[in-house]
Structures are given as C-alpha cells and as structure tokens.
PDB file of N, CA and C in Angstrom:
ATOM      1  N   MET A   1     -57.071  -8.011  21.260  1.00  0.00           N
ATOM      2  CA  MET A   1     -56.161  -7.307  22.036  1.00  0.00           C
ATOM      3  C   MET A   1     -54.613  -8.441  22.391  1.00  0.00           C
ATOM      4  N   ARG A   2     -55.175  -9.520  22.697  1.00  0.00           N
ATOM      5  CA  ARG A   2     -54.342 -10.322  23.145  1.00  0.00           C
ATOM      6  C   ARG A   2     -53.599 -10.626  21.805  1.00  0.00           C
ATOM      7  N   THR A   3     -54.333 -11.089  20.599  1.00  0.00           N
ATOM      8  CA  THR A   3     -53.276 -11.726  19.460  1.00  0.00           C
ATOM      9  C   THR A   3     -52.697 -10.303  18.816  1.00  0.00           C
ATOM     10  N   PHE A   4     -52.886  -8.994  19.306  1.00  0.00           N
ATOM     11  CA  PHE A   4     -52.186  -7.884  18.946  1.00  0.00           C
ATOM     12  C   PHE A   4     -50.722  -7.946  19.427  1.00  0.00           C
ATOM     13  N   CYS A   5     -50.713  -8.167  20.926  1.00  0.00           N
ATOM     14  CA  CYS A   5     -49.850  -8.051  21.416  1.00  0.00           C
ATOM     15  C   CYS A   5     -48.835  -9.005  21.426  1.00  0.00           C
ATOM     16  N   ILE A   6     -49.121 -10.268  20.861  1.00  0.00           N
ATOM     17  CA  ILE A   6     -48.669 -10.961  20.603  1.00  0.00           C
ATOM     18  C   ILE A   6     -47.845 -10.969  19.191  1.00  0.00           C
ATOM     19  N   ILE A   7     -48.540 -10.499  18.518  1.00  0.00           N
ATOM     20  CA  ILE A   7     -47.881 -10.357  17.176  1.00  0.00           C
ATOM     21  C   ILE A   7     -46.878  -8.993  16.907  1.00  0.00           C
ATOM     22  N   SER A   8     -47.276  -8.103  17.494  1.00  0.00           N
ATOM     23  CA  SER A   8     -46.045  -7.035  17.755  1.00  0.00           C
ATOM     24  C   SER A   8     -45.110  -7.434  18.963  1.00  0.00           C
ATOM     25  N   MET A   9     -44.959  -8.211  20.114  1.00  0.00           N
ATOM     26  CA  MET A   9     -44.119  -8.677  20.642  1.00  0.00           C
ATOM     27  C   MET A   9     -43.047  -9.751  19.531  1.00  0.00           C
ATOM     28  N   SER A  10     -43.833 -10.279  19.051  1.00  0.00           N
ATOM     29  CA  SER A  10     -42.954 -11.126  17.893  1.00  0.00           C
ATOM     30  C   SER A  10     -42.193 -10.410  16.794  1.00  0.00           C
ATOM     31  N   VAL A  11     -42.898  -9.158  16.299  1.00  0.00           N
ATOM     32  CA  VAL A  11     -42.145  -8.363  15.758  1.00  0.00           C
ATOM     33  C   VAL A  11     -41.218  -7.415  16.134  1.00  0.00           C
ATOM     34  N   PHE A  12     -41.236  -7.135  17.517  1.00  0.00           N
ATOM     35  CA  PHE A  12     -40.218  -6.883  18.054  1.00  0.00           C
ATOM     36  C   PHE A  12     -39.273  -7.596  17.992  1.00  0.00           C
ATOM     37  N   PHE A  13     -38.783  -8.832  18.738  1.00  0.00           N
ATOM     38  CA  PHE A  13     -38.226 -10.007  18.540  1.00  0.00           C
ATOM     39  C   PHE A  13     -37.327  -9.781  17.270  1.00  0.00           C
ATOM     40  N   LEU A  14     -38.181  -9.997  16.764  1.00  0.00           N
ATOM     41  CA  LEU A  14     -37.901 -10.521  15.067  1.00  0.00           C
ATOM     42  C   LEU A  14     -36.454  -9.349  14.713  1.00  0.00           C
ATOM     43  N   SER A  15     -37.178  -8.105  14.874  1.00  0.00           N
ATOM     44  CA  SER A  15     -36.275  -6.766  14.975  1.00  0.00           C
ATOM     45  C   SER A  15     -34.981  -6.896  15.423  1.00  0.00           C
ATOM     46  N   VAL A  16     -35.457  -6.878  16.525  1.00  0.00           N
ATOM     47  CA  VAL A  16     -33.914  -7.260  17.527  1.00  0.00           C
ATOM     48  C   VAL A  16     -33.208  -8.061  17.270  1.00  0.00           C
ATOM     49  N   VAL A  17     -33.674  -9.298  16.430  1.00  0.00           N
ATOM     50  CA  VAL A  17     -32.833 -10.689  15.920  1.00  0.00           C
ATOM     51  C   VAL A  17     -31.765  -9.976  14.537  1.00  0.00           C
ATOM     52  N   GLY A  18     -32.732  -9.261  13.975  1.00  0.00           N
ATOM     53  CA  GLY A  18     -32.613  -8.760  12.572  1.00  0.00           C
ATOM     54  C   GLY A  18     -30.882  -7.938  12.850  1.00  0.00           C
ATOM     55  N   LEU A  19     -31.670  -6.710  13.669  1.00  0.00           N
ATOM     56  CA  LEU A  19     -30.791  -5.685  14.390  1.00  0.00           C
ATOM     57  C   LEU A  19     -29.170  -6.123  14.565  1.00  0.00           C
ATOM     58  N   PHE A  20     -29.377  -7.639  15.471  1.00  0.00           N
ATOM     59  CA  PHE A  20     -28.200  -8.040  15.718  1.00  0.00           C
ATOM     60  C   PHE A  20     -27.403  -8.601  14.599  1.00  0.00           C
ATOM     61  N   LYS A  21     -27.926  -9.225  13.973  1.00  0.00           N
ATOM     62  CA  LYS A  21     -27.138  -9.816  13.013  1.00  0.00           C
ATOM     63  C   LYS A  21     -26.684  -8.900  11.991  1.00  0.00           C
ATOM     64  N   VAL A  22     -27.405  -7.826  11.636  1.00  0.00           N
ATOM     65  CA  VAL A  22     -26.840  -6.543  10.469  1.00  0.00           C
ATOM     66  C   VAL A  22     -25.993  -6.065  11.290  1.00  0.00           C
ATOM     67  N   LYS A  23     -25.455  -5.916  13.311  1.00  0.00           N
ATOM     68  CA  LYS A  23     -24.701  -4.980  13.599  1.00  0.00           C
ATOM     69  C   LYS A  23     -23.290  -6.479  13.467  1.00  0.00           C
ATOM     70  N   LEU A  24     -23.555  -7.352  13.845  1.00  0.00           N
ATOM     71  CA  LEU A  24     -22.330  -8.778  13.466  1.00  0.00           C
ATOM     72  C   LEU A  24     -22.005  -8.745  12.227  1.00  0.00           C
ATOM     73  N   HIS A  25     -22.713  -8.461  11.160  1.00  0.00           N
ATOM     74  CA  HIS A  25     -22.168  -8.387   9.619  1.00  0.00           C
ATOM     75  C   HIS A  25     -21.448  -6.951   9.611  1.00  0.00           C
ATOM     76  N   VAL A  26     -21.803  -5.892  10.047  1.00  0.00           N
ATOM     77  CA  VAL A  26     -21.267  -4.288  10.056  1.00  0.00           C
ATOM     78  C   VAL A  26     -19.706  -4.673  10.742  1.00  0.00           C
ATOM     79  N   GLN A  27     -19.655  -5.172  11.583  1.00  0.00           N
ATOM     80  CA  GLN A  27     -18.558  -5.476  12.577  1.00  0.00           C
ATOM     81  C   GLN A  27     -17.535  -6.328  11.687  1.00  0.00           C
ATOM     82  N   SER A  28     -18.102  -7.212  11.412  1.00  0.00           N
ATOM     83  CA  SER A  28     -16.744  -8.128  10.691  1.00  0.00           C
ATOM     84  C   SER A  28     -16.670  -7.793   9.245  1.00  0.00           C
ATOM     85  N   LEU A  29     -17.345  -6.731   8.493  1.00  0.00           N
ATOM     86  CA  LEU A  29     -17.193  -5.890   7.208  1.00  0.00           C
ATOM     87  C   LEU A  29     -16.126  -4.743   7.905  1.00  0.00           C
ATOM     88  N   ASN A  30     -15.876  -4.513   9.198  1.00  0.00           N
ATOM     89  CA  ASN A  30     -15.434  -3.151   9.621  1.00  0.00           C
ATOM     90  C   ASN A  30     -13.964  -3.593   9.794  1.00  0.00           C
ATOM     91  N   GLU A  31     -13.761  -4.895  10.350  1.00  0.00           N
ATOM     92  CA  GLU A  31     -12.754  -5.661  10.359  1.00  0.00           C
ATOM     93  C   GLU A  31     -12.085  -6.160   9.313  1.00  0.00           C
ATOM     94  N   GLU A  32     -12.665  -6.404   8.355  1.00  0.00           N
ATOM     95  CA  GLU A  32     -11.978  -6.691   7.023  1.00  0.00           C
ATOM     96  C   GLU A  32     -11.685  -5.603   6.199  1.00  0.00           C
ATOM     97  N   LEU A  33     -12.368  -4.299   6.513  1.00  0.00           N
ATOM     98  CA  LEU A  33     -11.732  -2.659   5.966  1.00  0.00           C
ATOM     99  C   LEU A  33     -10.646  -2.431   6.722  1.00  0.00           C
ATOM    100  N   ILE A  34     -10.570  -2.710   7.844  1.00  0.00           N
ATOM    101  CA  ILE A  34      -8.936  -2.151   8.333  1.00  0.00           C
ATOM    102  C   ILE A  34      -7.838  -3.433   8.078  1.00  0.00           C
ATOM    103  N   LYS A  35      -8.215  -4.778   8.178  1.00  0.00           N
ATOM    104  CA  LYS A  35      -7.182  -5.311   7.576  1.00  0.00           C
ATOM    105  C   LYS A  35      -6.572  -5.300   6.077  1.00  0.00           C
ATOM    106  N   ILE A  36      -7.635  -4.695   5.005  1.00  0.00           N
ATOM    107  CA  ILE A  36      -7.447  -4.239   4.047  1.00  0.00           C
ATOM    108  C   ILE A  36      -6.603  -3.253   3.824  1.00  0.00           C
ATOM    109  N   LYS A  37      -7.224  -2.155   4.550  1.00  0.00           N
ATOM    110  CA  LYS A  37      -6.209  -0.987   4.574  1.00  0.00           C
ATOM    111  C   LYS A  37      -5.014  -1.421   5.595  1.00  0.00           C
ATOM    112  N   ARG A  38      -4.925  -1.983   6.115  1.00  0.00           N
ATOM    113  CA  ARG A  38      -3.265  -2.775   6.546  1.00  0.00           C
ATOM    114  C   ARG A  38      -2.436  -3.107   6.001  1.00  0.00           C
ATOM    115  N   GLU A  39      -2.919  -3.824   4.904  1.00  0.00           N
ATOM    116  CA  GLU A  39      -2.428  -4.300   3.353  1.00  0.00           C
ATOM    117  C   GLU A  39      -1.848  -3.332   2.753  1.00  0.00           C
ATOM    118  N   ILE A  40      -2.802  -2.244   2.733  1.00  0.00           N
ATOM    119  CA  ILE A  40      -2.669  -1.510   1.658  1.00  0.00           C
ATOM    120  C   ILE A  40      -1.530  -0.489   1.628  1.00  0.00           C
ATOM    121  N   ASN A  41      -1.506  -0.357   2.985  1.00  0.00           N
ATOM    122  CA  ASN A  41      -0.020   0.529   3.716  1.00  0.00           C
ATOM    123  C   ASN A  41       1.026  -0.541   3.481  1.00  0.00           C
ATOM    124  N   LEU A  42       1.105  -1.211   3.576  1.00  0.00           N
ATOM    125  CA  LEU A  42       2.228  -2.300   3.444  1.00  0.00           C
ATOM    126  C   LEU A  42       2.551  -2.776   2.390  1.00  0.00           C
ATOM    127  N   VAL A  43       2.002  -2.696   1.110  1.00  0.00           N
ATOM    128  CA  VAL A  43       2.259  -2.444  -0.089  1.00  0.00           C
ATOM    129  C   VAL A  43       2.924  -0.926  -0.691  1.00  0.00           C
ATOM    130  N   HIS A  44       2.133   0.082  -0.114  1.00  0.00           N
ATOM    131  CA  HIS A  44       2.943   0.731  -0.355  1.00  0.00           C
ATOM    132  C   HIS A  44       4.367   1.534   0.128  1.00  0.00           C
ATOM    133  N   SER A  45       4.370   1.000   1.356  1.00  0.00           N
ATOM    134  CA  SER A  45       5.558   1.072   1.754  1.00  0.00           C
ATOM    135  C   SER A  45       6.661   0.204   0.933  1.00  0.00           C
ATOM    136  N   ASP A  46       5.799  -0.923   0.486  1.00  0.00           N
ATOM    137  CA  ASP A  46       7.349  -1.834  -0.248  1.00  0.00           C
ATOM    138  C   ASP A  46       7.067  -1.683  -1.725  1.00  0.00           C
ATOM    139  N   ILE A  47       6.483  -0.471  -2.067  1.00  0.00           N
ATOM    140  CA  ILE A  47       6.187   0.533  -3.162  1.00  0.00           C
ATOM    141  C   ILE A  47       7.909   1.158  -2.812  1.00  0.00           C
ATOM    142  N   LYS A  48       7.740   2.069  -2.262  1.00  0.00           N
ATOM    143  CA  LYS A  48       8.355   2.992  -1.586  1.00  0.00           C
ATOM    144  C   LYS A  48       9.807   2.280  -1.806  1.00  0.00           C
ATOM    145  N   VAL A  49      10.322   1.281  -1.255  1.00  0.00           N
ATOM    146  CA  VAL A  49      11.257   0.609  -0.669  1.00  0.00           C
ATOM    147  C   VAL A  49      12.313   0.212  -2.019  1.00  0.00           C
ATOM    148  N   LEU A  50      10.920   0.135  -2.763  1.00  0.00           N
ATOM    149  CA  LEU A  50      11.171  -0.845  -4.854  1.00  0.00           C
ATOM    150  C   LEU A  50      11.658   0.311  -5.445  1.00  0.00           C
ATOM    151  N   GLN A  51      10.903   1.327  -4.843  1.00  0.00           N
ATOM    152  CA  GLN A  51      11.524   2.389  -6.032  1.00  0.00           C
ATOM    153  C   GLN A  51      12.920   3.197  -5.740  1.00  0.00           C
ATOM    154  N   ALA A  52      12.953   3.198  -4.113  1.00  0.00           N
ATOM    155  CA  ALA A  52      14.379   3.882  -3.685  1.00  0.00           C
ATOM    156  C   ALA A  52      15.426   2.655  -4.406  1.00  0.00           C
ATOM    157  N   GLU A  53      15.444   1.516  -4.303  1.00  0.00           N
ATOM    158  CA  GLU A  53      16.381   0.315  -4.709  1.00  0.00           C
ATOM    159  C   GLU A  53      16.564   0.395  -5.961  1.00  0.00           C
ATOM    160  N   TRP A  54      15.319   1.093  -7.034  1.00  0.00           N
ATOM    161  CA  TRP A  54      15.354   0.327  -8.237  1.00  0.00           C
ATOM    162  C   TRP A  54      16.380   2.219  -8.589  1.00  0.00           C
ATOM    163  N   SER A  55      15.934   2.812  -8.050  1.00  0.00           N
ATOM    164  CA  SER A  55      16.781   4.161  -8.415  1.00  0.00           C
ATOM    165  C   SER A  55      18.340   4.135  -7.619  1.00  0.00           C
ATOM    166  N   TYR A  56      18.791   3.289  -6.997  1.00  0.00           N
ATOM    167  CA  TYR A  56      19.782   3.111  -6.660  1.00  0.00           C
ATOM    168  C   TYR A  56      20.524   2.414  -7.837  1.00  0.00           C
ATOM    169  N   LEU A  57      19.802   0.900  -7.769  1.00  0.00           N
ATOM    170  CA  LEU A  57      20.548   0.182  -9.205  1.00  0.00           C
ATOM    171  C   LEU A  57      20.744   1.118 -10.456  1.00  0.00           C
ATOM    172  N   SER A  58      19.857   1.843 -10.692  1.00  0.00           N
ATOM    173  CA  SER A  58      19.857   2.215 -12.185  1.00  0.00           C
ATOM    174  C   SER A  58      20.188   3.533 -12.417  1.00  0.00           C
ATOM    175  N   ASN A  59      21.610   3.967 -10.950  1.00  0.00           N
ATOM    176  CA  ASN A  59      21.799   5.116 -11.324  1.00  0.00           C
ATOM    177  C   ASN A  59      23.386   4.759 -12.243  1.00  0.00           C
ATOM    178  N   PRO A  60      23.527   6.085 -12.952  1.00  0.00           N
ATOM    179  CA  PRO A  60      24.260   5.894 -14.239  1.00  0.00           C
ATOM    180  C   PRO A  60      25.681   5.683 -13.688  1.00  0.00           C
ATOM    181  N   LYS A  61      26.000   6.597 -12.503  1.00  0.00           N
ATOM    182  CA  LYS A  61      27.781   6.298 -12.313  1.00  0.00           C
ATOM    183  C   LYS A  61      27.799   4.617 -11.463  1.00  0.00           C
ATOM    184  N   ARG A  62      26.878   4.236 -10.917  1.00  0.00           N
ATOM    185  CA  ARG A  62      26.849   3.034 -10.482  1.00  0.00           C
ATOM    186  C   ARG A  62      26.940   2.070 -11.579  1.00  0.00           C
ATOM    187  N   LEU A  63      26.430   2.141 -12.807  1.00  0.00           N
ATOM    188  CA  LEU A  63      26.464   1.523 -13.930  1.00  0.00           C
ATOM    189  C   LEU A  63      27.683   1.280 -14.376  1.00  0.00           C
ATOM    190  N   ALA A  64      28.188   2.732 -14.670  1.00  0.00           N
ATOM    191  CA  ALA A  64      29.088   3.046 -15.608  1.00  0.00           C
ATOM    192  C   ALA A  64      30.694   2.317 -14.702  1.00  0.00           C
ATOM    193  N   ASN A  65      30.697   2.459 -13.282  1.00  0.00           N
ATOM    194  CA  ASN A  65      31.067   1.857 -12.379  1.00  0.00           C
ATOM    195  C   ASN A  65      31.434  -0.062 -12.591  1.00  0.00           C
ATOM    196  N   LEU A  66      29.956  -0.712 -12.472  1.00  0.00           N
ATOM    197  CA  LEU A  66      29.984  -1.793 -13.001  1.00  0.00           C
ATOM    198  C   LEU A  66      30.446  -2.297 -14.426  1.00  0.00           C
ATOM    199  N   MET A  67      30.129  -1.399 -15.482  1.00  0.00           N
ATOM    200  CA  MET A  67      30.762  -1.804 -16.363  1.00  0.00           C
ATOM    201  C   MET A  67      32.072  -1.982 -16.833  1.00  0.00           C
ATOM    202  N   GLU A  68      32.810  -1.003 -15.975  1.00  0.00           N
ATOM    203  CA  GLU A  68      34.326  -0.651 -16.156  1.00  0.00           C
ATOM    204  C   GLU A  68      34.827  -1.861 -15.090  1.00  0.00           C
ATOM    205  N   LYS A  69      34.177  -2.484 -14.230  1.00  0.00           N
ATOM    206  CA  LYS A  69      34.570  -3.643 -13.412  1.00  0.00           C
ATOM    207  C   LYS A  69      34.377  -4.989 -14.368  1.00  0.00           C
ATOM    208  N   TYR A  70      33.258  -4.883 -14.681  1.00  0.00           N
ATOM    209  CA  TYR A  70      33.222  -6.560 -14.797  1.00  0.00           C
ATOM    210  C   TYR A  70      33.412  -6.742 -16.319  1.00  0.00           C
ATOM    211  N   LEU A  71      33.253  -5.529 -17.457  1.00  0.00           N
ATOM    212  CA  LEU A  71      33.053  -6.285 -18.742  1.00  0.00           C
ATOM    213  C   LEU A  71      34.622  -5.199 -19.396  1.00  0.00           C
ATOM    214  N   LYS A  72      35.509  -6.274 -19.393  1.00  0.00           N
ATOM    215  CA  LYS A  72      36.840  -5.564 -19.810  1.00  0.00           C
ATOM    216  C   LYS A  72      37.038  -4.906 -21.230  1.00  0.00           C
ATOM    217  N   ASN A  73      35.800  -5.729 -22.278  1.00  0.00           N
ATOM    218  CA  ASN A  73      35.656  -5.227 -23.814  1.00  0.00           C
ATOM    219  C   ASN A  73      34.848  -4.454 -23.866  1.00  0.00           C
ATOM    220  N   ASN A  74      34.606  -2.864 -23.487  1.00  0.00           N
ATOM    221  CA  ASN A  74      33.683  -2.182 -23.195  1.00  0.00           C
ATOM    222  C   ASN A  74      33.157  -1.827 -25.326  1.00  0.00           C
ATOM    223  N   SER A  75      33.557  -2.848 -26.074  1.00  0.00           N
ATOM    224  CA  SER A  75      33.113  -2.268 -27.363  1.00  0.00           C
ATOM    225  C   SER A  75      31.735  -2.669 -27.699  1.00  0.00           C
ATOM    226  N   LEU A  76      30.936  -1.957 -28.248  1.00  0.00           N
ATOM    227  CA  LEU A  76      29.448  -1.600 -28.713  1.00  0.00           C
ATOM    228  C   LEU A  76      29.083  -2.629 -29.233  1.00  0.00           C
ATOM    229  N   ILE A  77      27.964  -3.296 -29.412  1.00  0.00           N
ATOM    230  CA  ILE A  77      27.597  -4.194 -30.868  1.00  0.00           C
ATOM    231  C   ILE A  77      27.096  -3.166 -31.999  1.00  0.00           C
ATOM    232  N   LEU A  78      28.045  -3.706 -32.876  1.00  0.00           N
ATOM    233  CA  LEU A  78      27.867  -2.864 -33.963  1.00  0.00           C
ATOM    234  C   LEU A  78      26.263  -3.598 -34.813  1.00  0.00           C
ATOM    235  N   ALA A  79      25.369  -2.485 -35.439  1.00  0.00           N
ATOM    236  CA  ALA A  79      24.140  -2.945 -36.198  1.00  0.00           C
ATOM    237  C   ALA A  79      24.338  -3.938 -36.922  1.00  0.00           C
ATOM    238  N   SER A  80      25.531  -4.072 -37.803  1.00  0.00           N
ATOM    239  CA  SER A  80      25.846  -5.137 -38.810  1.00  0.00           C
ATOM    240  C   SER A  80      26.082  -6.767 -37.812  1.00  0.00           C
ATOM    241  N   GLN A  81      26.624  -6.525 -36.988  1.00  0.00           N
ATOM    242  CA  GLN A  81      26.159  -8.130 -35.916  1.00  0.00           C
ATOM    243  C   GLN A  81      25.096  -8.576 -35.885  1.00  0.00           C
ATOM    244  N   VAL A  82      23.890  -7.736 -35.840  1.00  0.00           N
ATOM    245  CA  VAL A  82      22.212  -8.223 -35.500  1.00  0.00           C
ATOM    246  C   VAL A  82      21.560  -8.520 -36.747  1.00  0.00           C
ATOM    247  N   THR A  83      21.204  -9.354 -36.591  1.00  0.00           N
ATOM    248  CA  THR A  83      20.456 -10.476 -37.648  1.00  0.00           C
ATOM    249  C   THR A  83      18.883 -10.277 -37.086  1.00  0.00           C
ATOM    250  N   ASN A  84      18.402 -10.959 -37.989  1.00  0.00           N
ATOM    251  CA  ASN A  84      16.834 -10.968 -38.095  1.00  0.00           C
ATOM    252  C   ASN A  84      16.567 -12.577 -37.742  1.00  0.00           C
ATOM    253  N   LEU A  85      15.642 -13.227 -37.491  1.00  0.00           N
ATOM    254  CA  LEU A  85      15.254 -14.795 -37.686  1.00  0.00           C
ATOM    255  C   LEU A  85      15.321 -15.157 -38.661  1.00  0.00           C
ATOM    256  N   ASP A  86      15.048 -14.854 -40.026  1.00  0.00           N
ATOM    257  CA  ASP A  86      14.790 -15.209 -41.129  1.00  0.00           C
ATOM    258  C   ASP A  86      16.131 -15.552 -41.625  1.00  0.00           C
ATOM    259  N   SER A  87      17.485 -14.873 -41.441  1.00  0.00           N
ATOM    260  CA  SER A  87      18.539 -15.288 -41.840  1.00  0.00           C
ATOM    261  C   SER A  87      19.190 -16.624 -41.179  1.00  0.00           C
ATOM    262  N   LEU A  88      18.768 -17.054 -39.990  1.00  0.00           N
ATOM    263  CA  LEU A  88      19.048 -18.008 -39.454  1.00  0.00           C
ATOM    264  C   LEU A  88      19.234 -19.558 -40.562  1.00  0.00           C
ATOM    265  N   ASN A  89      18.190 -19.773 -41.311  1.00  0.00           N
ATOM    266  CA  ASN A  89      17.892 -20.692 -42.056  1.00  0.00           C
ATOM    267  C   ASN A  89      17.822 -21.996 -41.526  1.00  0.00           C
ATOM    268  N   ASP A  90      17.020 -22.285 -40.591  1.00  0.00           N
ATOM    269  CA  ASP A  90      17.251 -23.321 -40.022  1.00  0.00           C
ATOM    270  C   ASP A  90      18.276 -23.962 -38.798  1.00  0.00           C
ATOM    271  N   ARG A  91      18.603 -22.809 -38.764  1.00  0.00           N
ATOM    272  CA  ARG A  91      19.936 -23.474 -37.488  1.00  0.00           C
ATOM    273  C   ARG A  91      19.552 -22.882 -36.044  1.00  0.00           C
ATOM    274  N   SER A  92      18.598 -22.537 -35.928  1.00  0.00           N
ATOM    275  CA  SER A  92      18.285 -22.774 -34.333  1.00  0.00           C
ATOM    276  C   SER A  92      16.500 -23.119 -34.570  1.00  0.00           C
ATOM    277  N   VAL A  93      16.356 -23.653 -33.211  1.00  0.00           N
ATOM    278  CA  VAL A  93      15.053 -24.344 -33.107  1.00  0.00           C
ATOM    279  C   VAL A  93      13.774 -22.807 -33.244  1.00  0.00           C
ATOM    280  N   LEU A  94      14.140 -21.577 -33.061  1.00  0.00           N
ATOM    281  CA  LEU A  94      13.259 -20.829 -33.301  1.00  0.00           C
ATOM    282  C   LEU A  94      12.796 -20.654 -34.603  1.00  0.00           C
ATOM    283  N   ALA A  95      13.499 -20.682 -35.627  1.00  0.00           N
ATOM    284  CA  ALA A  95      13.531 -21.332 -36.535  1.00  0.00           C
ATOM    285  C   ALA A  95      12.881 -22.099 -37.795  1.00  0.00           C
ATOM    286  N   LYS A  96      13.433 -23.574 -36.937  1.00  0.00           N
ATOM    287  CA  LYS A  96      11.696 -24.696 -36.830  1.00  0.00           C
ATOM    288  C   LYS A  96      10.248 -24.290 -36.491  1.00  0.00           C
ATOM    289  N   LEU A  97      10.479 -23.582 -35.271  1.00  0.00           N
ATOM    290  CA  LEU A  97       9.059 -23.296 -34.665  1.00  0.00           C
ATOM    291  C   LEU A  97       8.315 -22.533 -35.783  1.00  0.00           C
ATOM    292  N   LYS A  98       9.022 -21.402 -36.359  1.00  0.00           N
ATOM    293  CA  LYS A  98       8.189 -20.058 -37.141  1.00  0.00           C
ATOM    294  C   LYS A  98       7.803 -20.917 -38.281  1.00  0.00           C
ATOM    295  N   ASN A  99       8.466 -22.094 -38.859  1.00  0.00           N
ATOM    296  CA  ASN A  99       8.010 -22.684 -39.999  1.00  0.00           C
ATOM    297  C   ASN A  99       6.587 -23.244 -39.539  1.00  0.00           C
TER     298      ASN A  99
END
C-alpha cells in the first residue's frame, strides 16, 4: 500500500509539473500571437496609406500638370526612334555581354 501511495504521489507531482510547463508554453504562444496580430494590423494600416499615396501620385490630372511643368518638349517618342539591342553593333556594354 505504501508503494502505491508513493507511485501515485510521484505521478501526481509529475502531472502538476507537466501541466505547469504546458501552461507556460501556451502563455508564451499567446503572447507571440498577440504580437503577430499587432504587426499584421500595422502592416494593413501601412498598406492603406501606401494605396492612398499611390492613388494620389498616379492621378492623371496631377501627372498632366507635372508634365506641363517639367516637360517643355511634350513630343512623344516615335516607334522609329526605338531600336533593339541587335542593331547597336557592339556599341554598348549590353551588346558585348549578349555575345
């Protein structure tokens, strides 16, 4: 009977220690989860700010005003002015690298 009491007390003690360790681990995971949720909320708010900034910066009226202000020669590039890399004939570093 005495050995049964000693074994059951040691099992009880080990169970208490195990449950305490599990409790501490769950608390640390919960704190990490709260931290990650906070970071996610910050990133979402940053994304909203960036979307608002992008919509402002890409506003066609604003871009037209900037074009008129800074681009005095508003002529467009013609398709005949665009060339490919093969037509440069070793005149650029890129043409040399391609060979």
